[in-house]
Amino acid sequence: MPHFVYMIGSFKNLKLTTYVGYTNNLKSRINKHNTDKGAKFTKGRLWKIMYYEKYKTRRKALKREYFLKKHRKLRNIIKDKFINNENINTITI
């Protein structure tokens, strides 16, 4: 079963807020975020997938999630590419 690390974004007052998470069902998880059943931080907003990566093991996905949550520079690069409508490739490890 594949595991995903994802970054979602939501605009409010012209400011883009991001959230990084892990799941094994990406569509279901994003739907939960958008119906106020996801993480407490994401309630009350409309979220779009900005970036995701697919992994074969849960362990690798969780390691990558931790890395993305801690490295703001990388998150800001993804954010800038999303704002400028540039293609952001996903990777499978």
Protein backbone atom coordinates (compact mmCIF):
# COMPACT_ATOMS: atom_id res chain seq x y z
CA MET A 1 0.00 0.00 0.00
CA PRO A 2 1.43 3.42 -0.91
CA HIS A 3 1.97 6.12 1.70
CA PHE A 4 1.91 9.83 0.95
CA VAL A 5 3.49 12.93 2.39
CA TYR A 6 1.62 16.02 1.26
CA MET A 7 1.62 19.76 1.58
CA ILE A 8 -1.67 21.61 1.30
CA GLY A 9 -2.30 25.33 1.13
CA SER A 10 -5.11 27.76 1.82
CA PHE A 11 -5.41 31.47 1.06
CA LYS A 12 -6.88 33.85 3.63
CA ASN A 13 -6.55 37.62 3.32
CA LEU A 14 -4.03 37.15 0.48
CA LYS A 15 -1.76 35.09 2.74
CA LEU A 16 -0.98 31.46 1.91
CA THR A 17 -0.95 29.11 4.91
CA THR A 18 0.50 25.62 4.52
CA TYR A 19 0.13 22.30 6.30
CA VAL A 20 2.25 19.15 5.93
CA GLY A 21 0.83 15.72 6.68
CA TYR A 22 1.03 11.98 6.07
CA THR A 23 -1.64 9.52 4.89
CA ASN A 24 -2.17 6.27 3.05
CA ASN A 25 -5.25 7.62 1.21
CA LEU A 26 -4.58 11.06 -0.21
CA LYS A 27 -8.04 11.82 -1.68
CA SER A 28 -9.83 10.83 1.51
CA ARG A 29 -7.45 12.83 3.69
CA ILE A 30 -7.82 16.04 1.66
CA ASN A 31 -11.58 15.59 1.72
CA LYS A 32 -11.44 15.33 5.52
CA HIS A 33 -9.42 18.54 5.76
CA ASN A 34 -12.01 20.34 3.62
CA THR A 35 -14.99 19.03 5.61
CA ASP A 36 -13.60 19.99 9.05
CA LYS A 37 -12.82 16.39 10.01
CA GLY A 38 -9.07 16.66 9.53
CA ALA A 39 -6.45 18.14 11.82
CA LYS A 40 -7.58 20.92 14.16
CA PHE A 41 -5.24 23.39 12.43
CA THR A 42 -6.97 22.89 9.07
CA LYS A 43 -10.58 23.42 10.13
CA GLY A 44 -12.60 26.22 8.57
CA ARG A 45 -10.62 26.65 5.36
CA LEU A 46 -10.60 25.35 1.80
CA TRP A 47 -7.37 23.43 1.14
CA LYS A 48 -5.66 22.53 -2.14
CA ILE A 49 -2.88 20.03 -2.67
CA MET A 50 0.31 21.93 -3.40
CA TYR A 51 2.75 19.03 -3.39
CA TYR A 52 2.92 15.35 -2.55
CA GLU A 53 5.38 12.48 -2.54
CA LYS A 54 4.61 8.76 -2.72
CA TYR A 55 6.50 6.19 -0.66
CA LYS A 56 6.46 2.40 -0.52
CA THR A 57 6.87 2.23 3.27
CA ARG A 58 5.20 4.06 6.13
CA ARG A 59 8.52 4.58 7.85
CA LYS A 60 10.07 6.47 4.90
CA ALA A 61 6.95 8.61 4.56
CA LEU A 62 6.94 9.57 8.23
CA LYS A 63 10.65 10.46 8.11
CA ARG A 64 10.02 12.71 5.12
CA GLU A 65 6.99 14.32 6.78
CA TYR A 66 9.12 15.20 9.79
CA PHE A 67 11.80 16.64 7.50
CA LEU A 68 9.33 18.83 5.59
CA LYS A 69 7.72 20.09 8.78
CA LYS A 70 11.08 21.21 10.16
CA HIS A 71 12.61 22.74 7.01
CA ARG A 72 10.86 26.01 6.25
CA LYS A 73 13.20 26.87 3.35
CA LEU A 74 12.04 23.86 1.38
CA ARG A 75 8.40 24.58 2.23
CA ASN A 76 8.86 28.17 1.04
CA ILE A 77 10.34 26.97 -2.27
CA ILE A 78 7.30 24.74 -2.82
CA LYS A 79 5.02 27.60 -1.79
CA ASP A 80 6.66 30.01 -4.28
CA LYS A 81 6.37 27.50 -7.12
CA PHE A 82 2.70 26.92 -6.27
CA ILE A 83 1.95 30.65 -6.23
CA ASN A 84 3.70 31.08 -9.61
CA ASN A 85 1.82 28.08 -11.09
CA GLU A 86 5.04 26.22 -11.85
CA ASN A 87 5.03 22.46 -12.22
CA ILE A 88 6.13 20.73 -9.07
CA ASN A 89 7.14 17.15 -9.66
CA THR A 90 6.35 14.44 -7.16
CA ILE A 91 8.75 11.66 -6.37
CA THR A 92 8.36 8.02 -5.44
CA ILE A 93 10.86 6.47 -3.08
